[in-house]
Amino acid sequence: MLTRVLSDIRPRALRPAEEPEVRWLFAACHPELPPRPEGWYAAYPTLVIAVDRRVVAFTSFSISPAPTGPTTLYGNDLCVAPEIRRIGLGRGLVEARGALARRVGATTFIGIAQATNEAMRRIFEGEGFHPCQRLPGYWAGTDAVVWSGPLR
């Protein structure tokens, strides 16, 4: 399926016609979670990685300026198709959304991941983020962890 060299695959903005693919991928990655409402990915900035015209990974996020504090990047979703995980697509999406956020003045990050999600833990730690709060039963009875830190 991956017909290009990984270095040639670049995240890009979601195209409106791709929202159904992104919603399908979210459900494939998180079958235990309720789906995002229709239009969610059009309302929030969403970056995708597509291979052979198929969305295989995405991240959605928001960037919020605060009048008395730092502008913050909030990570919403990060999903990679199960059959192509562990080749750097998730990390590439995290780096791309961080670069975009820094360009508009964001200096901090906050994100939430399931406590059992080792892949996100590795990515967050690699970005220099730290766990700052545990949220018991946050997602479908599964504990979550809040991660935060400065954008580098």
N, C-alpha and C. Protein backbone atom coordinates (compact mmCIF):
# COMPACT_ATOMS: atom_id res chain seq x y z
N MET A 1 0.81 -1.19 0.00
CA MET A 1 0.00 0.00 0.00
C MET A 1 0.86 1.26 0.00
N LEU A 2 1.89 1.29 0.79
CA LEU A 2 2.75 2.48 0.80
C LEU A 2 3.64 2.43 -0.44
N THR A 3 3.29 3.23 -1.42
CA THR A 3 4.01 3.17 -2.68
C THR A 3 5.07 4.25 -2.79
N ARG A 4 5.15 5.10 -1.79
CA ARG A 4 6.14 6.17 -1.82
C ARG A 4 7.10 6.00 -0.65
N VAL A 5 8.24 6.63 -0.79
CA VAL A 5 9.19 6.65 0.30
C VAL A 5 8.62 7.53 1.41
N LEU A 6 8.81 7.11 2.66
CA LEU A 6 8.25 7.84 3.79
C LEU A 6 8.61 9.32 3.76
N SER A 7 9.81 9.66 3.33
CA SER A 7 10.22 11.06 3.32
C SER A 7 9.43 11.89 2.31
N ASP A 8 8.78 11.24 1.36
CA ASP A 8 7.98 11.95 0.37
C ASP A 8 6.54 12.18 0.83
N ILE A 9 6.15 11.60 1.95
CA ILE A 9 4.78 11.71 2.43
C ILE A 9 4.71 12.90 3.37
N ARG A 10 3.86 13.87 3.03
CA ARG A 10 3.76 15.10 3.80
C ARG A 10 2.32 15.30 4.28
N PRO A 11 2.16 15.71 5.53
CA PRO A 11 0.81 16.08 5.98
C PRO A 11 0.32 17.30 5.20
N ARG A 12 -0.98 17.33 4.99
CA ARG A 12 -1.61 18.46 4.32
C ARG A 12 -2.99 18.68 4.94
N ALA A 13 -3.60 19.80 4.61
CA ALA A 13 -4.92 20.12 5.14
C ALA A 13 -5.97 19.14 4.59
N LEU A 14 -6.93 18.84 5.44
CA LEU A 14 -8.07 18.01 5.07
C LEU A 14 -8.85 18.68 3.94
N ARG A 15 -9.23 17.90 2.96
CA ARG A 15 -10.15 18.37 1.92
C ARG A 15 -11.57 18.00 2.36
N PRO A 16 -12.55 18.86 2.13
CA PRO A 16 -13.91 18.57 2.62
C PRO A 16 -14.43 17.19 2.24
N ALA A 17 -14.15 16.72 1.06
CA ALA A 17 -14.65 15.42 0.63
C ALA A 17 -14.01 14.26 1.40
N GLU A 18 -12.93 14.53 2.15
CA GLU A 18 -12.24 13.46 2.89
C GLU A 18 -12.77 13.25 4.30
N GLU A 19 -13.69 14.10 4.74
CA GLU A 19 -14.18 13.94 6.11
C GLU A 19 -14.76 12.55 6.37
N PRO A 20 -15.54 11.95 5.47
CA PRO A 20 -16.02 10.59 5.74
C PRO A 20 -14.88 9.58 5.95
N GLU A 21 -13.79 9.71 5.21
CA GLU A 21 -12.64 8.81 5.40
C GLU A 21 -12.02 9.02 6.78
N VAL A 22 -11.92 10.26 7.20
CA VAL A 22 -11.33 10.56 8.50
C VAL A 22 -12.23 10.02 9.60
N ARG A 23 -13.53 10.17 9.45
CA ARG A 23 -14.46 9.63 10.46
C ARG A 23 -14.37 8.11 10.51
N TRP A 24 -14.22 7.45 9.35
CA TRP A 24 -14.07 6.00 9.31
C TRP A 24 -12.77 5.59 10.01
N LEU A 25 -11.68 6.32 9.75
CA LEU A 25 -10.40 6.00 10.37
C LEU A 25 -10.46 6.18 11.88
N PHE A 26 -11.12 7.24 12.35
CA PHE A 26 -11.29 7.42 13.79
C PHE A 26 -12.00 6.21 14.39
N ALA A 27 -13.07 5.76 13.75
CA ALA A 27 -13.81 4.60 14.26
C ALA A 27 -12.95 3.33 14.24
N ALA A 28 -12.11 3.18 13.22
CA ALA A 28 -11.23 2.01 13.15
C ALA A 28 -10.18 2.04 14.26
N CYS A 29 -9.70 3.23 14.59
CA CYS A 29 -8.67 3.37 15.62
C CYS A 29 -9.26 3.34 17.03
N HIS A 30 -10.49 3.80 17.17
CA HIS A 30 -11.12 3.92 18.49
C HIS A 30 -12.54 3.35 18.48
N PRO A 31 -12.69 2.05 18.27
CA PRO A 31 -14.05 1.49 18.19
C PRO A 31 -14.83 1.62 19.48
N GLU A 32 -14.13 1.81 20.59
CA GLU A 32 -14.81 1.92 21.89
C GLU A 32 -15.33 3.32 22.17
N LEU A 33 -14.96 4.30 21.36
CA LEU A 33 -15.35 5.69 21.59
C LEU A 33 -16.49 6.09 20.66
N PRO A 34 -17.34 7.01 21.14
CA PRO A 34 -18.38 7.51 20.23
C PRO A 34 -17.74 8.32 19.11
N PRO A 35 -18.36 8.32 17.94
CA PRO A 35 -17.78 9.09 16.83
C PRO A 35 -17.90 10.59 17.08
N ARG A 36 -17.02 11.34 16.46
CA ARG A 36 -17.13 12.79 16.49
C ARG A 36 -18.38 13.17 15.69
N PRO A 37 -19.01 14.28 16.06
CA PRO A 37 -20.19 14.70 15.29
C PRO A 37 -19.83 15.05 13.85
N GLU A 38 -20.80 14.89 12.96
CA GLU A 38 -20.57 15.25 11.57
C GLU A 38 -20.16 16.72 11.50
N GLY A 39 -19.17 17.01 10.70
CA GLY A 39 -18.67 18.37 10.57
C GLY A 39 -17.53 18.70 11.52
N TRP A 40 -17.23 17.82 12.48
CA TRP A 40 -16.17 18.07 13.47
C TRP A 40 -14.85 18.41 12.79
N TYR A 41 -14.46 17.57 11.84
CA TYR A 41 -13.14 17.73 11.23
C TYR A 41 -13.09 18.91 10.26
N ALA A 42 -14.25 19.37 9.81
CA ALA A 42 -14.29 20.60 9.03
C ALA A 42 -14.20 21.82 9.94
N ALA A 43 -14.69 21.68 11.17
CA ALA A 43 -14.69 22.81 12.11
C ALA A 43 -13.33 23.00 12.79
N TYR A 44 -12.60 21.92 13.00
CA TYR A 44 -11.29 21.99 13.64
C TYR A 44 -10.21 21.80 12.58
N PRO A 45 -9.08 22.50 12.73
CA PRO A 45 -8.00 22.24 11.78
C PRO A 45 -7.66 20.75 11.81
N THR A 46 -7.57 20.15 10.65
CA THR A 46 -7.25 18.73 10.54
C THR A 46 -6.22 18.55 9.44
N LEU A 47 -5.12 17.89 9.80
CA LEU A 47 -4.09 17.53 8.84
C LEU A 47 -4.23 16.05 8.52
N VAL A 48 -4.01 15.69 7.27
CA VAL A 48 -4.11 14.30 6.86
C VAL A 48 -2.83 13.88 6.14
N ILE A 49 -2.61 12.58 6.14
CA ILE A 49 -1.62 11.97 5.26
C ILE A 49 -2.40 11.01 4.39
N ALA A 50 -2.27 11.21 3.08
CA ALA A 50 -2.97 10.35 2.13
C ALA A 50 -1.93 9.63 1.27
N VAL A 51 -2.19 8.37 1.03
CA VAL A 51 -1.34 7.56 0.16
C VAL A 51 -2.26 6.94 -0.89
N ASP A 52 -1.89 7.13 -2.13
CA ASP A 52 -2.70 6.62 -3.23
C ASP A 52 -4.16 7.08 -3.08
N ARG A 53 -4.33 8.34 -2.74
CA ARG A 53 -5.64 9.00 -2.59
C ARG A 53 -6.51 8.41 -1.48
N ARG A 54 -5.89 7.76 -0.51
CA ARG A 54 -6.61 7.23 0.64
C ARG A 54 -6.01 7.84 1.90
N VAL A 55 -6.85 8.39 2.78
CA VAL A 55 -6.38 8.95 4.04
C VAL A 55 -5.96 7.79 4.93
N VAL A 56 -4.69 7.80 5.35
CA VAL A 56 -4.17 6.72 6.19
C VAL A 56 -3.80 7.21 7.59
N ALA A 57 -3.81 8.53 7.79
CA ALA A 57 -3.48 9.09 9.10
C ALA A 57 -3.99 10.53 9.15
N PHE A 58 -4.33 10.98 10.36
CA PHE A 58 -4.78 12.36 10.50
C PHE A 58 -4.60 12.83 11.93
N THR A 59 -4.62 14.13 12.10
CA THR A 59 -4.68 14.75 13.42
C THR A 59 -5.59 15.96 13.33
N SER A 60 -6.40 16.16 14.35
CA SER A 60 -7.20 17.38 14.46
C SER A 60 -6.75 18.09 15.73
N PHE A 61 -6.95 19.40 15.74
CA PHE A 61 -6.42 20.19 16.86
C PHE A 61 -7.10 21.55 16.87
N SER A 62 -6.79 22.34 17.86
CA SER A 62 -7.20 23.74 17.88
C SER A 62 -6.05 24.55 18.47
N ILE A 63 -6.04 25.81 18.13
CA ILE A 63 -5.03 26.73 18.65
C ILE A 63 -5.79 27.88 19.27
N SER A 64 -5.54 28.14 20.53
CA SER A 64 -6.32 29.13 21.25
C SER A 64 -5.42 30.17 21.91
N PRO A 65 -5.58 31.45 21.49
CA PRO A 65 -4.84 32.50 22.18
C PRO A 65 -5.55 32.84 23.49
N ALA A 66 -4.77 33.17 24.48
CA ALA A 66 -5.33 33.59 25.76
C ALA A 66 -4.92 35.03 26.01
N PRO A 67 -5.85 35.88 26.40
CA PRO A 67 -5.51 37.29 26.59
C PRO A 67 -4.49 37.53 27.70
N THR A 68 -4.43 36.63 28.67
CA THR A 68 -3.49 36.83 29.78
C THR A 68 -2.46 35.73 29.91
N GLY A 69 -2.39 34.84 28.93
CA GLY A 69 -1.45 33.73 29.04
C GLY A 69 -0.97 33.31 27.67
N PRO A 70 -0.37 32.13 27.62
CA PRO A 70 0.23 31.67 26.35
C PRO A 70 -0.83 31.22 25.35
N THR A 71 -0.50 31.32 24.09
CA THR A 71 -1.32 30.71 23.04
C THR A 71 -1.01 29.22 23.07
N THR A 72 -2.07 28.41 23.07
CA THR A 72 -1.93 26.98 23.32
C THR A 72 -2.45 26.15 22.15
N LEU A 73 -1.70 25.12 21.81
CA LEU A 73 -2.11 24.10 20.86
C LEU A 73 -2.78 22.99 21.65
N TYR A 74 -4.04 22.69 21.32
CA TYR A 74 -4.77 21.59 21.95
C TYR A 74 -4.87 20.46 20.94
N GLY A 75 -4.29 19.31 21.26
CA GLY A 75 -4.40 18.15 20.39
C GLY A 75 -5.73 17.47 20.61
N ASN A 76 -6.48 17.25 19.55
CA ASN A 76 -7.77 16.56 19.65
C ASN A 76 -7.65 15.08 19.33
N ASP A 77 -7.31 14.78 18.09
CA ASP A 77 -7.22 13.39 17.65
C ASP A 77 -5.91 13.16 16.92
N LEU A 78 -5.44 11.94 16.98
CA LEU A 78 -4.30 11.50 16.17
C LEU A 78 -4.55 10.03 15.88
N CYS A 79 -4.76 9.71 14.62
CA CYS A 79 -5.06 8.33 14.23
C CYS A 79 -4.21 7.92 13.03
N VAL A 80 -3.70 6.70 13.08
CA VAL A 80 -2.95 6.11 11.97
C VAL A 80 -3.59 4.75 11.70
N ALA A 81 -3.82 4.45 10.43
CA ALA A 81 -4.41 3.17 10.06
C ALA A 81 -3.62 2.03 10.71
N PRO A 82 -4.30 1.09 11.35
CA PRO A 82 -3.61 0.02 12.08
C PRO A 82 -2.59 -0.75 11.26
N GLU A 83 -2.82 -0.94 9.97
CA GLU A 83 -1.89 -1.75 9.17
C GLU A 83 -0.59 -1.05 8.82
N ILE A 84 -0.47 0.25 9.11
CA ILE A 84 0.78 0.95 8.77
C ILE A 84 1.34 1.74 9.95
N ARG A 85 1.08 1.31 11.15
CA ARG A 85 1.62 2.00 12.32
C ARG A 85 3.11 1.68 12.48
N ARG A 86 3.75 2.51 13.29
CA ARG A 86 5.16 2.33 13.68
C ARG A 86 6.15 2.62 12.55
N ILE A 87 5.76 3.52 11.63
CA ILE A 87 6.70 3.94 10.60
C ILE A 87 6.92 5.45 10.62
N GLY A 88 6.38 6.14 11.65
CA GLY A 88 6.64 7.57 11.81
C GLY A 88 5.56 8.51 11.34
N LEU A 89 4.41 7.99 10.88
CA LEU A 89 3.36 8.88 10.40
C LEU A 89 2.76 9.71 11.55
N GLY A 90 2.52 9.09 12.69
CA GLY A 90 1.99 9.82 13.84
C GLY A 90 2.93 10.93 14.29
N ARG A 91 4.19 10.60 14.38
CA ARG A 91 5.19 11.60 14.78
C ARG A 91 5.23 12.74 13.75
N GLY A 92 5.15 12.39 12.47
CA GLY A 92 5.15 13.41 11.43
C GLY A 92 3.97 14.36 11.55
N LEU A 93 2.81 13.82 11.88
CA LEU A 93 1.63 14.67 12.09
C LEU A 93 1.80 15.57 13.30
N VAL A 94 2.35 15.02 14.38
CA VAL A 94 2.58 15.82 15.60
C VAL A 94 3.55 16.96 15.29
N GLU A 95 4.60 16.66 14.57
CA GLU A 95 5.58 17.70 14.21
C GLU A 95 4.95 18.76 13.32
N ALA A 96 4.12 18.34 12.36
CA ALA A 96 3.49 19.29 11.44
C ALA A 96 2.51 20.21 12.18
N ARG A 97 1.68 19.64 13.08
CA ARG A 97 0.74 20.51 13.79
C ARG A 97 1.48 21.44 14.74
N GLY A 98 2.59 20.97 15.34
CA GLY A 98 3.39 21.84 16.21
C GLY A 98 4.03 22.98 15.43
N ALA A 99 4.54 22.69 14.24
CA ALA A 99 5.15 23.73 13.41
C ALA A 99 4.11 24.77 13.01
N LEU A 100 2.94 24.30 12.64
CA LEU A 100 1.86 25.23 12.27
C LEU A 100 1.49 26.11 13.46
N ALA A 101 1.36 25.50 14.62
CA ALA A 101 0.98 26.25 15.83
C ALA A 101 2.05 27.28 16.19
N ARG A 102 3.32 26.90 16.10
CA ARG A 102 4.40 27.86 16.40
C ARG A 102 4.37 29.04 15.43
N ARG A 103 4.04 28.78 14.17
CA ARG A 103 3.99 29.88 13.18
C ARG A 103 2.95 30.92 13.54
N VAL A 104 1.90 30.54 14.26
CA VAL A 104 0.88 31.52 14.65
C VAL A 104 1.02 31.95 16.11
N GLY A 105 2.17 31.63 16.71
CA GLY A 105 2.47 32.15 18.04
C GLY A 105 2.20 31.24 19.21
N ALA A 106 1.79 30.00 18.98
CA ALA A 106 1.55 29.09 20.11
C ALA A 106 2.87 28.71 20.76
N THR A 107 2.86 28.63 22.06
CA THR A 107 4.07 28.28 22.80
C THR A 107 3.89 27.08 23.72
N THR A 108 2.65 26.63 23.92
CA THR A 108 2.41 25.50 24.81
C THR A 108 1.48 24.48 24.15
N PHE A 109 1.48 23.27 24.72
CA PHE A 109 0.66 22.17 24.21
C PHE A 109 -0.10 21.54 25.36
N ILE A 110 -1.34 21.14 25.08
CA ILE A 110 -2.12 20.31 26.00
C ILE A 110 -2.82 19.25 25.16
N GLY A 111 -2.72 18.00 25.59
CA GLY A 111 -3.39 16.91 24.90
C GLY A 111 -3.78 15.83 25.89
N ILE A 112 -4.73 15.02 25.51
CA ILE A 112 -5.22 13.94 26.36
C ILE A 112 -5.12 12.64 25.58
N ALA A 113 -4.63 11.60 26.23
CA ALA A 113 -4.56 10.28 25.60
C ALA A 113 -5.02 9.23 26.60
N GLN A 114 -5.52 8.12 26.08
CA GLN A 114 -5.87 7.02 26.96
C GLN A 114 -4.62 6.59 27.72
N ALA A 115 -4.79 6.29 28.98
CA ALA A 115 -3.65 5.92 29.83
C ALA A 115 -2.92 4.70 29.28
N THR A 116 -3.61 3.85 28.55
CA THR A 116 -3.02 2.62 28.01
C THR A 116 -2.39 2.82 26.63
N ASN A 117 -2.43 4.02 26.09
CA ASN A 117 -1.96 4.27 24.73
C ASN A 117 -0.45 4.52 24.75
N GLU A 118 0.31 3.44 24.61
CA GLU A 118 1.77 3.52 24.67
C GLU A 118 2.37 4.30 23.50
N ALA A 119 1.76 4.20 22.33
CA ALA A 119 2.28 4.94 21.17
C ALA A 119 2.21 6.45 21.43
N MET A 120 1.09 6.93 21.96
CA MET A 120 0.98 8.37 22.24
C MET A 120 1.93 8.76 23.38
N ARG A 121 2.09 7.89 24.35
CA ARG A 121 3.03 8.21 25.44
C ARG A 121 4.42 8.42 24.85
N ARG A 122 4.86 7.53 23.96
CA ARG A 122 6.19 7.67 23.34
C ARG A 122 6.29 8.97 22.54
N ILE A 123 5.25 9.29 21.78
CA ILE A 123 5.27 10.52 20.98
C ILE A 123 5.31 11.73 21.90
N PHE A 124 4.45 11.77 22.90
CA PHE A 124 4.43 12.92 23.81
C PHE A 124 5.76 13.09 24.53
N GLU A 125 6.32 12.00 25.03
CA GLU A 125 7.62 12.09 25.70
C GLU A 125 8.70 12.55 24.73
N GLY A 126 8.66 12.08 23.49
CA GLY A 126 9.63 12.50 22.49
C GLY A 126 9.55 13.98 22.17
N GLU A 127 8.37 14.56 22.34
CA GLU A 127 8.18 16.00 22.12
C GLU A 127 8.51 16.81 23.37
N GLY A 128 8.86 16.13 24.45
CA GLY A 128 9.20 16.83 25.69
C GLY A 128 8.01 17.18 26.57
N PHE A 129 6.84 16.59 26.27
CA PHE A 129 5.66 16.85 27.08
C PHE A 129 5.65 15.94 28.30
N HIS A 130 4.92 16.34 29.33
CA HIS A 130 4.90 15.60 30.58
C HIS A 130 3.46 15.32 30.99
N PRO A 131 3.23 14.14 31.60
CA PRO A 131 1.89 13.88 32.12
C PRO A 131 1.64 14.79 33.32
N CYS A 132 0.48 15.40 33.37
CA CYS A 132 0.22 16.33 34.47
C CYS A 132 -1.05 16.01 35.24
N GLN A 133 -1.90 15.13 34.71
CA GLN A 133 -3.12 14.79 35.43
C GLN A 133 -3.68 13.48 34.88
N ARG A 134 -4.20 12.64 35.77
CA ARG A 134 -4.89 11.41 35.36
C ARG A 134 -6.39 11.67 35.49
N LEU A 135 -7.15 11.23 34.49
CA LEU A 135 -8.60 11.42 34.46
C LEU A 135 -9.27 10.05 34.50
N PRO A 136 -9.67 9.59 35.70
CA PRO A 136 -10.29 8.26 35.82
C PRO A 136 -11.58 8.16 35.00
N GLY A 137 -11.69 7.08 34.22
CA GLY A 137 -12.90 6.79 33.47
C GLY A 137 -13.27 7.81 32.40
N TYR A 138 -12.31 8.59 31.92
CA TYR A 138 -12.58 9.70 31.01
C TYR A 138 -13.22 9.25 29.69
N TRP A 139 -12.69 8.17 29.09
CA TRP A 139 -13.20 7.68 27.81
C TRP A 139 -13.78 6.30 27.98
N ALA A 140 -15.07 6.18 27.84
CA ALA A 140 -15.74 4.87 27.85
C ALA A 140 -15.24 4.00 29.01
N GLY A 141 -15.07 4.61 30.17
CA GLY A 141 -14.60 3.88 31.34
C GLY A 141 -13.10 3.68 31.40
N THR A 142 -12.37 4.18 30.43
CA THR A 142 -10.92 4.05 30.39
C THR A 142 -10.27 5.32 30.91
N ASP A 143 -9.27 5.16 31.76
CA ASP A 143 -8.56 6.33 32.28
C ASP A 143 -7.80 7.04 31.16
N ALA A 144 -7.67 8.34 31.30
CA ALA A 144 -6.90 9.14 30.37
C ALA A 144 -5.84 9.91 31.15
N VAL A 145 -4.86 10.40 30.42
CA VAL A 145 -3.79 11.21 31.00
C VAL A 145 -3.70 12.51 30.21
N VAL A 146 -3.62 13.62 30.92
CA VAL A 146 -3.40 14.92 30.30
C VAL A 146 -1.91 15.14 30.20
N TRP A 147 -1.45 15.55 29.02
CA TRP A 147 -0.05 15.82 28.76
C TRP A 147 0.09 17.30 28.42
N SER A 148 1.17 17.92 28.88
CA SER A 148 1.38 19.33 28.55
C SER A 148 2.88 19.65 28.52
N GLY A 149 3.17 20.81 27.97
CA GLY A 149 4.54 21.27 27.94
C GLY A 149 4.74 22.34 26.89
N PRO A 150 5.93 22.90 26.85
CA PRO A 150 6.21 23.93 25.84
C PRO A 150 6.40 23.29 24.46
N LEU A 151 5.99 24.04 23.43
CA LEU A 151 6.27 23.61 22.07
C LEU A 151 7.73 23.93 21.78
N ARG A 152 8.44 22.98 21.21
CA ARG A 152 9.85 23.20 20.89
C ARG A 152 10.03 23.48 19.43
